[in-house]
Amino acid sequence: LGQALRDGAVGWAALAGRDAVQFLLPGGTAFHVLRAVALTSDAEGATTLRMLAEGQVLELIDWSRGPEGATRIRARTRSFRPEVGWATLADTAGVVYMRSL
């Protein structure tokens, strides 16, 4: 059972299809910062708390549920300081700031 990030729909999904084609992969709650990105106080990114440095590891708390066509994928995270805020995982230009460990 899963929930879609885009519209919040809940339902069942196939993990793999014929010939072992994988549709979904298991994910984790730990993310590795690949390039410097701002940790902000809200999902809109209005107030920067601090910059996250390359190599930091964050814990995923929640995904942003932005409007369709949003310019970035954001997640609420916790650093090991501990500090809670929002960070951009990737933008629509294809720049990836963090990846799951």
PDB file of N, CA and C in Angstrom:
ATOM      1  N   LEU A   1       0.856  -1.172   0.000  1.00  0.00           N
ATOM      2  CA  LEU A   1       0.000   0.000   0.000  1.00  0.00           C
ATOM      3  C   LEU A   1       0.898   1.229   0.000  1.00  0.00           C
ATOM      4  N   GLY A   2       0.601   2.208  -0.826  1.00  0.00           N
ATOM      5  CA  GLY A   2       1.415   3.411  -0.908  1.00  0.00           C
ATOM      6  C   GLY A   2       0.572   4.640  -1.144  1.00  0.00           C
ATOM      7  N   GLN A   3       1.226   5.797  -1.072  1.00  0.00           N
ATOM      8  CA  GLN A   3       0.542   7.064  -1.291  1.00  0.00           C
ATOM      9  C   GLN A   3       1.337   7.882  -2.296  1.00  0.00           C
ATOM     10  N   ALA A   4       0.647   8.409  -3.309  1.00  0.00           N
ATOM     11  CA  ALA A   4       1.286   9.227  -4.335  1.00  0.00           C
ATOM     12  C   ALA A   4       1.637  10.603  -3.774  1.00  0.00           C
ATOM     13  N   LEU A   5       2.819  11.102  -4.115  1.00  0.00           N
ATOM     14  CA  LEU A   5       3.237  12.413  -3.641  1.00  0.00           C
ATOM     15  C   LEU A   5       2.471  13.531  -4.317  1.00  0.00           C
ATOM     16  N   ARG A   6       2.182  13.384  -5.588  1.00  0.00           N
ATOM     17  CA  ARG A   6       1.563  14.465  -6.352  1.00  0.00           C
ATOM     18  C   ARG A   6       0.156  14.803  -5.885  1.00  0.00           C
ATOM     19  N   ASP A   7      -0.721  13.789  -5.757  1.00  0.00           N
ATOM     20  CA  ASP A   7      -2.118  14.087  -5.428  1.00  0.00           C
ATOM     21  C   ASP A   7      -2.605  13.437  -4.134  1.00  0.00           C
ATOM     22  N   GLY A   8      -1.737  12.696  -3.451  1.00  0.00           N
ATOM     23  CA  GLY A   8      -2.109  12.084  -2.184  1.00  0.00           C
ATOM     24  C   GLY A   8      -2.962  10.836  -2.309  1.00  0.00           C
ATOM     25  N   ALA A   9      -3.170  10.346  -3.551  1.00  0.00           N
ATOM     26  CA  ALA A   9      -3.974   9.139  -3.753  1.00  0.00           C
ATOM     27  C   ALA A   9      -3.305   7.944  -3.064  1.00  0.00           C
ATOM     28  N   VAL A  10      -4.133   7.079  -2.463  1.00  0.00           N
ATOM     29  CA  VAL A  10      -3.643   5.898  -1.763  1.00  0.00           C
ATOM     30  C   VAL A  10      -4.086   4.662  -2.526  1.00  0.00           C
ATOM     31  N   GLY A  11      -3.177   3.696  -2.698  1.00  0.00           N
ATOM     32  CA  GLY A  11      -3.534   2.471  -3.393  1.00  0.00           C
ATOM     33  C   GLY A  11      -2.358   1.523  -3.496  1.00  0.00           C
ATOM     34  N   TRP A  12      -2.578   0.445  -4.229  1.00  0.00           N
ATOM     35  CA  TRP A  12      -1.572  -0.596  -4.414  1.00  0.00           C
ATOM     36  C   TRP A  12      -0.848  -0.360  -5.743  1.00  0.00           C
ATOM     37  N   ALA A  13       0.419  -0.717  -5.805  1.00  0.00           N
ATOM     38  CA  ALA A  13       1.203  -0.584  -7.032  1.00  0.00           C
ATOM     39  C   ALA A  13       2.071  -1.822  -7.197  1.00  0.00           C
ATOM     40  N   ALA A  14       2.290  -2.205  -8.445  1.00  0.00           N
ATOM     41  CA  ALA A  14       3.160  -3.346  -8.736  1.00  0.00           C
ATOM     42  C   ALA A  14       4.616  -2.907  -8.592  1.00  0.00           C
ATOM     43  N   LEU A  15       5.425  -3.707  -7.921  1.00  0.00           N
ATOM     44  CA  LEU A  15       6.838  -3.402  -7.778  1.00  0.00           C
ATOM     45  C   LEU A  15       7.624  -3.750  -9.031  1.00  0.00           C
ATOM     46  N   ALA A  16       7.182  -4.812  -9.721  1.00  0.00           N
ATOM     47  CA  ALA A  16       7.885  -5.255 -10.913  1.00  0.00           C
ATOM     48  C   ALA A  16       6.888  -5.831 -11.906  1.00  0.00           C
ATOM     49  N   GLY A  17       7.282  -5.807 -13.171  1.00  0.00           N
ATOM     50  CA  GLY A  17       6.436  -6.336 -14.219  1.00  0.00           C
ATOM     51  C   GLY A  17       7.040  -7.592 -14.816  1.00  0.00           C
ATOM     52  N   ARG A  18       6.630  -7.876 -16.026  1.00  0.00           N
ATOM     53  CA  ARG A  18       7.168  -9.051 -16.723  1.00  0.00           C
ATOM     54  C   ARG A  18       8.647  -8.874 -17.001  1.00  0.00           C
ATOM     55  N   ASP A  19       9.323  -9.973 -17.137  1.00  0.00           N
ATOM     56  CA  ASP A  19      10.759  -9.989 -17.427  1.00  0.00           C
ATOM     57  C   ASP A  19      11.567  -9.221 -16.390  1.00  0.00           C
ATOM     58  N   ALA A  20      11.085  -9.183 -15.141  1.00  0.00           N
ATOM     59  CA  ALA A  20      11.776  -8.554 -14.008  1.00  0.00           C
ATOM     60  C   ALA A  20      12.006  -7.051 -14.195  1.00  0.00           C
ATOM     61  N   VAL A  21      11.158  -6.384 -14.982  1.00  0.00           N
ATOM     62  CA  VAL A  21      11.242  -4.933 -15.135  1.00  0.00           C
ATOM     63  C   VAL A  21      10.734  -4.301 -13.838  1.00  0.00           C
ATOM     64  N   GLN A  22      11.587  -3.504 -13.173  1.00  0.00           N
ATOM     65  CA  GLN A  22      11.200  -2.896 -11.899  1.00  0.00           C
ATOM     66  C   GLN A  22      10.513  -1.559 -12.129  1.00  0.00           C
ATOM     67  N   PHE A  23       9.350  -1.379 -11.488  1.00  0.00           N
ATOM     68  CA  PHE A  23       8.615  -0.126 -11.550  1.00  0.00           C
ATOM     69  C   PHE A  23       8.940   0.765 -10.354  1.00  0.00           C
ATOM     70  N   LEU A  24       9.106   0.153  -9.185  1.00  0.00           N
ATOM     71  CA  LEU A  24       9.385   0.877  -7.957  1.00  0.00           C
ATOM     72  C   LEU A  24      10.590   0.249  -7.269  1.00  0.00           C
ATOM     73  N   LEU A  25      11.399   1.082  -6.645  1.00  0.00           N
ATOM     74  CA  LEU A  25      12.541   0.604  -5.884  1.00  0.00           C
ATOM     75  C   LEU A  25      12.373   1.022  -4.433  1.00  0.00           C
ATOM     76  N   PRO A  26      12.865   0.214  -3.494  1.00  0.00           N
ATOM     77  CA  PRO A  26      12.763   0.612  -2.095  1.00  0.00           C
ATOM     78  C   PRO A  26      13.580   1.878  -1.852  1.00  0.00           C
ATOM     79  N   GLY A  27      13.055   2.750  -1.042  1.00  0.00           N
ATOM     80  CA  GLY A  27      13.769   3.975  -0.698  1.00  0.00           C
ATOM     81  C   GLY A  27      14.087   3.997   0.774  1.00  0.00           C
ATOM     82  N   GLY A  28      14.851   4.973   1.161  1.00  0.00           N
ATOM     83  CA  GLY A  28      15.213   5.078   2.563  1.00  0.00           C
ATOM     84  C   GLY A  28      14.841   6.438   3.110  1.00  0.00           C
ATOM     85  N   THR A  29      15.204   6.665   4.336  1.00  0.00           N
ATOM     86  CA  THR A  29      14.923   7.954   4.954  1.00  0.00           C
ATOM     87  C   THR A  29      16.176   8.790   5.118  1.00  0.00           C
ATOM     88  N   ALA A  30      17.326   8.271   4.712  1.00  0.00           N
ATOM     89  CA  ALA A  30      18.572   9.026   4.803  1.00  0.00           C
ATOM     90  C   ALA A  30      18.940   9.561   3.416  1.00  0.00           C
ATOM     91  N   PHE A  31      19.288  10.852   3.369  1.00  0.00           N
ATOM     92  CA  PHE A  31      19.677  11.492   2.118  1.00  0.00           C
ATOM     93  C   PHE A  31      21.064  12.108   2.253  1.00  0.00           C
ATOM     94  N   HIS A  32      21.849  11.971   1.205  1.00  0.00           N
ATOM     95  CA  HIS A  32      23.217  12.481   1.138  1.00  0.00           C
ATOM     96  C   HIS A  32      23.219  13.748   0.286  1.00  0.00           C
ATOM     97  N   VAL A  33      23.771  14.845   0.800  1.00  0.00           N
ATOM     98  CA  VAL A  33      23.834  16.113   0.053  1.00  0.00           C
ATOM     99  C   VAL A  33      24.961  16.008  -0.974  1.00  0.00           C
ATOM    100  N   LEU A  34      24.612  16.195  -2.261  1.00  0.00           N
ATOM    101  CA  LEU A  34      25.579  16.097  -3.349  1.00  0.00           C
ATOM    102  C   LEU A  34      26.203  17.442  -3.704  1.00  0.00           C
ATOM    103  N   ARG A  35      25.455  18.524  -3.505  1.00  0.00           N
ATOM    104  CA  ARG A  35      25.956  19.879  -3.751  1.00  0.00           C
ATOM    105  C   ARG A  35      25.269  20.822  -2.785  1.00  0.00           C
ATOM    106  N   ALA A  36      25.934  21.927  -2.469  1.00  0.00           N
ATOM    107  CA  ALA A  36      25.414  22.886  -1.482  1.00  0.00           C
ATOM    108  C   ALA A  36      23.993  23.302  -1.837  1.00  0.00           C
ATOM    109  N   VAL A  37      23.126  23.319  -0.820  1.00  0.00           N
ATOM    110  CA  VAL A  37      21.720  23.682  -0.998  1.00  0.00           C
ATOM    111  C   VAL A  37      21.222  24.297   0.312  1.00  0.00           C
ATOM    112  N   ALA A  38      20.261  25.206   0.213  1.00  0.00           N
ATOM    113  CA  ALA A  38      19.741  25.888   1.392  1.00  0.00           C
ATOM    114  C   ALA A  38      18.791  25.007   2.188  1.00  0.00           C
ATOM    115  N   LEU A  39      18.890  25.069   3.505  1.00  0.00           N
ATOM    116  CA  LEU A  39      17.908  24.493   4.421  1.00  0.00           C
ATOM    117  C   LEU A  39      17.025  25.659   4.831  1.00  0.00           C
ATOM    118  N   THR A  40      15.735  25.578   4.519  1.00  0.00           N
ATOM    119  CA  THR A  40      14.827  26.701   4.757  1.00  0.00           C
ATOM    120  C   THR A  40      13.790  26.363   5.822  1.00  0.00           C
ATOM    121  N   SER A  41      13.128  27.397   6.339  1.00  0.00           N
ATOM    122  CA  SER A  41      12.175  27.215   7.421  1.00  0.00           C
ATOM    123  C   SER A  41      10.820  26.710   6.960  1.00  0.00           C
ATOM    124  N   ASP A  42      10.498  26.860   5.662  1.00  0.00           N
ATOM    125  CA  ASP A  42       9.206  26.405   5.151  1.00  0.00           C
ATOM    126  C   ASP A  42       9.361  25.809   3.761  1.00  0.00           C
ATOM    127  N   ALA A  43       8.300  25.172   3.278  1.00  0.00           N
ATOM    128  CA  ALA A  43       8.343  24.474   1.991  1.00  0.00           C
ATOM    129  C   ALA A  43       8.532  25.430   0.816  1.00  0.00           C
ATOM    130  N   GLU A  44       8.139  26.692   0.978  1.00  0.00           N
ATOM    131  CA  GLU A  44       8.271  27.668  -0.103  1.00  0.00           C
ATOM    132  C   GLU A  44       9.698  28.194  -0.222  1.00  0.00           C
ATOM    133  N   GLY A  45      10.511  28.012   0.802  1.00  0.00           N
ATOM    134  CA  GLY A  45      11.906  28.425   0.747  1.00  0.00           C
ATOM    135  C   GLY A  45      12.131  29.901   1.029  1.00  0.00           C
ATOM    136  N   ALA A  46      11.212  30.530   1.768  1.00  0.00           N
ATOM    137  CA  ALA A  46      11.291  31.973   2.004  1.00  0.00           C
ATOM    138  C   ALA A  46      12.454  32.376   2.910  1.00  0.00           C
ATOM    139  N   THR A  47      12.699  31.635   3.972  1.00  0.00           N
ATOM    140  CA  THR A  47      13.737  32.008   4.937  1.00  0.00           C
ATOM    141  C   THR A  47      14.790  30.908   5.024  1.00  0.00           C
ATOM    142  N   THR A  48      16.032  31.252   4.711  1.00  0.00           N
ATOM    143  CA  THR A  48      17.126  30.284   4.785  1.00  0.00           C
ATOM    144  C   THR A  48      17.632  30.178   6.210  1.00  0.00           C
ATOM    145  N   LEU A  49      17.654  28.950   6.749  1.00  0.00           N
ATOM    146  CA  LEU A  49      18.204  28.705   8.076  1.00  0.00           C
ATOM    147  C   LEU A  49      19.720  28.619   8.010  1.00  0.00           C
ATOM    148  N   ARG A  50      20.212  27.881   7.027  1.00  0.00           N
ATOM    149  CA  ARG A  50      21.654  27.750   6.774  1.00  0.00           C
ATOM    150  C   ARG A  50      21.859  26.995   5.479  1.00  0.00           C
ATOM    151  N   MET A  51      23.082  26.976   5.009  1.00  0.00           N
ATOM    152  CA  MET A  51      23.423  26.212   3.810  1.00  0.00           C
ATOM    153  C   MET A  51      23.889  24.822   4.234  1.00  0.00           C
ATOM    154  N   LEU A  52      23.402  23.811   3.529  1.00  0.00           N
ATOM    155  CA  LEU A  52      23.846  22.437   3.749  1.00  0.00           C
ATOM    156  C   LEU A  52      25.065  22.195   2.879  1.00  0.00           C
ATOM    157  N   ALA A  53      26.087  21.614   3.440  1.00  0.00           N
ATOM    158  CA  ALA A  53      27.325  21.378   2.708  1.00  0.00           C
ATOM    159  C   ALA A  53      27.322  20.007   2.048  1.00  0.00           C
ATOM    160  N   GLU A  54      28.078  19.900   0.978  1.00  0.00           N
ATOM    161  CA  GLU A  54      28.251  18.621   0.292  1.00  0.00           C
ATOM    162  C   GLU A  54      28.771  17.592   1.296  1.00  0.00           C
ATOM    163  N   GLY A  55      28.177  16.392   1.253  1.00  0.00           N
ATOM    164  CA  GLY A  55      28.606  15.306   2.124  1.00  0.00           C
ATOM    165  C   GLY A  55      27.763  15.130   3.374  1.00  0.00           C
ATOM    166  N   GLN A  56      26.929  16.127   3.727  1.00  0.00           N
ATOM    167  CA  GLN A  56      26.082  15.986   4.904  1.00  0.00           C
ATOM    168  C   GLN A  56      25.018  14.922   4.673  1.00  0.00           C
ATOM    169  N   VAL A  57      24.550  14.301   5.752  1.00  0.00           N
ATOM    170  CA  VAL A  57      23.494  13.298   5.695  1.00  0.00           C
ATOM    171  C   VAL A  57      22.300  13.842   6.466  1.00  0.00           C
ATOM    172  N   LEU A  58      21.109  13.744   5.855  1.00  0.00           N
ATOM    173  CA  LEU A  58      19.874  14.230   6.458  1.00  0.00           C
ATOM    174  C   LEU A  58      18.870  13.107   6.563  1.00  0.00           C
ATOM    175  N   GLU A  59      17.970  13.221   7.525  1.00  0.00           N
ATOM    176  CA  GLU A  59      16.874  12.264   7.685  1.00  0.00           C
ATOM    177  C   GLU A  59      15.618  12.855   7.057  1.00  0.00           C
ATOM    178  N   LEU A  60      14.936  12.094   6.220  1.00  0.00           N
ATOM    179  CA  LEU A  60      13.689  12.522   5.594  1.00  0.00           C
ATOM    180  C   LEU A  60      12.559  12.462   6.614  1.00  0.00           C
ATOM    181  N   ILE A  61      11.796  13.553   6.734  1.00  0.00           N
ATOM    182  CA  ILE A  61      10.634  13.582   7.621  1.00  0.00           C
ATOM    183  C   ILE A  61       9.349  13.544   6.805  1.00  0.00           C
ATOM    184  N   ASP A  62       9.287  14.344   5.730  1.00  0.00           N
ATOM    185  CA  ASP A  62       8.067  14.436   4.928  1.00  0.00           C
ATOM    186  C   ASP A  62       8.417  14.993   3.553  1.00  0.00           C
ATOM    187  N   TRP A  63       7.601  14.661   2.564  1.00  0.00           N
ATOM    188  CA  TRP A  63       7.763  15.188   1.215  1.00  0.00           C
ATOM    189  C   TRP A  63       6.881  16.411   1.031  1.00  0.00           C
ATOM    190  N   SER A  64       7.331  17.351   0.243  1.00  0.00           N
ATOM    191  CA  SER A  64       6.515  18.508  -0.118  1.00  0.00           C
ATOM    192  C   SER A  64       5.461  18.068  -1.117  1.00  0.00           C
ATOM    193  N   ARG A  65       4.280  18.602  -0.993  1.00  0.00           N
ATOM    194  CA  ARG A  65       3.203  18.304  -1.931  1.00  0.00           C
ATOM    195  C   ARG A  65       2.859  19.574  -2.678  1.00  0.00           C
ATOM    196  N   GLY A  66       3.786  20.008  -3.499  1.00  0.00           N
ATOM    197  CA  GLY A  66       3.603  21.245  -4.249  1.00  0.00           C
ATOM    198  C   GLY A  66       2.634  21.078  -5.397  1.00  0.00           C
ATOM    199  N   PRO A  67       2.263  22.176  -6.032  1.00  0.00           N
ATOM    200  CA  PRO A  67       1.336  22.110  -7.159  1.00  0.00           C
ATOM    201  C   PRO A  67       1.966  21.408  -8.359  1.00  0.00           C
ATOM    202  N   GLU A  68       1.123  20.900  -9.241  1.00  0.00           N
ATOM    203  CA  GLU A  68       1.618  20.262 -10.455  1.00  0.00           C
ATOM    204  C   GLU A  68       2.409  21.291 -11.250  1.00  0.00           C
ATOM    205  N   GLY A  69       3.537  20.896 -11.802  1.00  0.00           N
ATOM    206  CA  GLY A  69       4.382  21.809 -12.551  1.00  0.00           C
ATOM    207  C   GLY A  69       5.325  22.598 -11.656  1.00  0.00           C
ATOM    208  N   ALA A  70       5.460  22.184 -10.393  1.00  0.00           N
ATOM    209  CA  ALA A  70       6.365  22.869  -9.475  1.00  0.00           C
ATOM    210  C   ALA A  70       7.785  22.802 -10.024  1.00  0.00           C
ATOM    211  N   THR A  71       8.592  23.798  -9.692  1.00  0.00           N
ATOM    212  CA  THR A  71       9.933  23.890 -10.254  1.00  0.00           C
ATOM    213  C   THR A  71      10.977  23.092  -9.501  1.00  0.00           C
ATOM    214  N   ARG A  72      10.589  22.440  -8.396  1.00  0.00           N
ATOM    215  CA  ARG A  72      11.560  21.661  -7.639  1.00  0.00           C
ATOM    216  C   ARG A  72      10.855  20.633  -6.761  1.00  0.00           C
ATOM    217  N   ILE A  73      11.607  19.609  -6.381  1.00  0.00           N
ATOM    218  CA  ILE A  73      11.120  18.588  -5.457  1.00  0.00           C
ATOM    219  C   ILE A  73      11.746  18.916  -4.114  1.00  0.00           C
ATOM    220  N   ARG A  74      10.906  19.114  -3.081  1.00  0.00           N
ATOM    221  CA  ARG A  74      11.412  19.496  -1.766  1.00  0.00           C
ATOM    222  C   ARG A  74      10.989  18.477  -0.720  1.00  0.00           C
ATOM    223  N   ALA A  75      11.765  18.407   0.351  1.00  0.00           N
ATOM    224  CA  ALA A  75      11.465  17.484   1.443  1.00  0.00           C
ATOM    225  C   ALA A  75      11.764  18.149   2.772  1.00  0.00           C
ATOM    226  N   ARG A  76      10.961  17.818   3.768  1.00  0.00           N
ATOM    227  CA  ARG A  76      11.237  18.276   5.129  1.00  0.00           C
ATOM    228  C   ARG A  76      12.246  17.302   5.705  1.00  0.00           C
ATOM    229  N   THR A  77      13.340  17.825   6.230  1.00  0.00           N
ATOM    230  CA  THR A  77      14.438  16.981   6.683  1.00  0.00           C
ATOM    231  C   THR A  77      14.905  17.376   8.075  1.00  0.00           C
ATOM    232  N   ARG A  78      15.696  16.504   8.662  1.00  0.00           N
ATOM    233  CA  ARG A  78      16.319  16.777   9.957  1.00  0.00           C
ATOM    234  C   ARG A  78      17.806  16.506   9.815  1.00  0.00           C
ATOM    235  N   SER A  79      18.618  17.465  10.221  1.00  0.00           N
ATOM    236  CA  SER A  79      20.059  17.244  10.218  1.00  0.00           C
ATOM    237  C   SER A  79      20.434  16.629  11.553  1.00  0.00           C
ATOM    238  N   PHE A  80      21.647  16.216  11.688  1.00  0.00           N
ATOM    239  CA  PHE A  80      22.065  15.563  12.917  1.00  0.00           C
ATOM    240  C   PHE A  80      22.560  16.568  13.954  1.00  0.00           C
ATOM    241  N   ARG A  81      22.205  17.863  13.784  1.00  0.00           N
ATOM    242  CA  ARG A  81      22.560  18.891  14.778  1.00  0.00           C
ATOM    243  C   ARG A  81      21.678  18.866  16.003  1.00  0.00           C
ATOM    244  N   PRO A  82      20.462  18.631  16.176  1.00  0.00           N
ATOM    245  CA  PRO A  82      19.396  18.403  15.201  1.00  0.00           C
ATOM    246  C   PRO A  82      18.748  19.729  14.780  1.00  0.00           C
ATOM    247  N   GLU A  83      18.363  19.791  13.558  1.00  0.00           N
ATOM    248  CA  GLU A  83      17.756  20.980  12.983  1.00  0.00           C
ATOM    249  C   GLU A  83      16.758  20.521  11.931  1.00  0.00           C
ATOM    250  N   VAL A  84      15.536  21.040  11.983  1.00  0.00           N
ATOM    251  CA  VAL A  84      14.498  20.631  11.050  1.00  0.00           C
ATOM    252  C   VAL A  84      14.227  21.764  10.082  1.00  0.00           C
ATOM    253  N   GLY A  85      14.125  21.432   8.801  1.00  0.00           N
ATOM    254  CA  GLY A  85      13.826  22.429   7.779  1.00  0.00           C
ATOM    255  C   GLY A  85      13.523  21.755   6.461  1.00  0.00           C
ATOM    256  N   TRP A  86      13.393  22.561   5.424  1.00  0.00           N
ATOM    257  CA  TRP A  86      13.071  22.072   4.085  1.00  0.00           C
ATOM    258  C   TRP A  86      14.265  22.255   3.166  1.00  0.00           C
ATOM    259  N   ALA A  87      14.505  21.275   2.294  1.00  0.00           N
ATOM    260  CA  ALA A  87      15.617  21.338   1.361  1.00  0.00           C
ATOM    261  C   ALA A  87      15.169  20.837  -0.007  1.00  0.00           C
ATOM    262  N   THR A  88      15.787  21.363  -1.049  1.00  0.00           N
ATOM    263  CA  THR A  88      15.486  20.956  -2.420  1.00  0.00           C
ATOM    264  C   THR A  88      16.281  19.701  -2.758  1.00  0.00           C
ATOM    265  N   LEU A  89      15.590  18.652  -3.227  1.00  0.00           N
ATOM    266  CA  LEU A  89      16.253  17.427  -3.655  1.00  0.00           C
ATOM    267  C   LEU A  89      16.699  17.535  -5.103  1.00  0.00           C
ATOM    268  N   ALA A  90      15.837  18.114  -5.961  1.00  0.00           N
ATOM    269  CA  ALA A  90      16.129  18.257  -7.383  1.00  0.00           C
ATOM    270  C   ALA A  90      15.249  19.355  -7.954  1.00  0.00           C
ATOM    271  N   ASP A  91      15.693  19.932  -9.077  1.00  0.00           N
ATOM    272  CA  ASP A  91      14.850  20.927  -9.740  1.00  0.00           C
ATOM    273  C   ASP A  91      14.505  20.450 -11.143  1.00  0.00           C
ATOM    274  N   THR A  92      13.620  21.163 -11.818  1.00  0.00           N
ATOM    275  CA  THR A  92      13.153  20.717 -13.134  1.00  0.00           C
ATOM    276  C   THR A  92      14.218  20.858 -14.215  1.00  0.00           C
ATOM    277  N   ALA A  93      15.295  21.579 -13.929  1.00  0.00           N
ATOM    278  CA  ALA A  93      16.404  21.682 -14.882  1.00  0.00           C
ATOM    279  C   ALA A  93      17.279  20.433 -14.841  1.00  0.00           C
ATOM    280  N   GLY A  94      16.969  19.513 -13.913  1.00  0.00           N
ATOM    281  CA  GLY A  94      17.725  18.273 -13.828  1.00  0.00           C
ATOM    282  C   GLY A  94      18.860  18.309 -12.821  1.00  0.00           C
ATOM    283  N   VAL A  95      19.012  19.404 -12.089  1.00  0.00           N
ATOM    284  CA  VAL A  95      20.062  19.499 -11.083  1.00  0.00           C
ATOM    285  C   VAL A  95      19.623  18.714  -9.848  1.00  0.00           C
ATOM    286  N   VAL A  96      20.435  17.757  -9.416  1.00  0.00           N
ATOM    287  CA  VAL A  96      20.142  16.928  -8.257  1.00  0.00           C
ATOM    288  C   VAL A  96      21.020  17.400  -7.103  1.00  0.00           C
ATOM    289  N   TYR A  97      20.402  17.761  -5.989  1.00  0.00           N
ATOM    290  CA  TYR A  97      21.109  18.259  -4.820  1.00  0.00           C
ATOM    291  C   TYR A  97      21.333  17.190  -3.756  1.00  0.00           C
ATOM    292  N   MET A  98      20.417  16.212  -3.696  1.00  0.00           N
ATOM    293  CA  MET A  98      20.520  15.135  -2.709  1.00  0.00           C
ATOM    294  C   MET A  98      20.050  13.831  -3.314  1.00  0.00           C
ATOM    295  N   ARG A  99      20.570  12.734  -2.777  1.00  0.00           N
ATOM    296  CA  ARG A  99      20.098  11.414  -3.204  1.00  0.00           C
ATOM    297  C   ARG A  99      19.942  10.523  -1.986  1.00  0.00           C
ATOM    298  N   SER A 100      19.067   9.536  -2.123  1.00  0.00           N
ATOM    299  CA  SER A 100      18.811   8.588  -1.044  1.00  0.00           C
ATOM    300  C   SER A 100      20.006   7.676  -0.864  1.00  0.00           C
ATOM    301  N   LEU A 101      20.320   7.373   0.393  1.00  0.00           N
ATOM    302  CA  LEU A 101      21.419   6.437   0.686  1.00  0.00           C
ATOM    303  C   LEU A 101      20.923   5.016   0.640  1.00  0.00           C
TER     304      LEU A 101
END
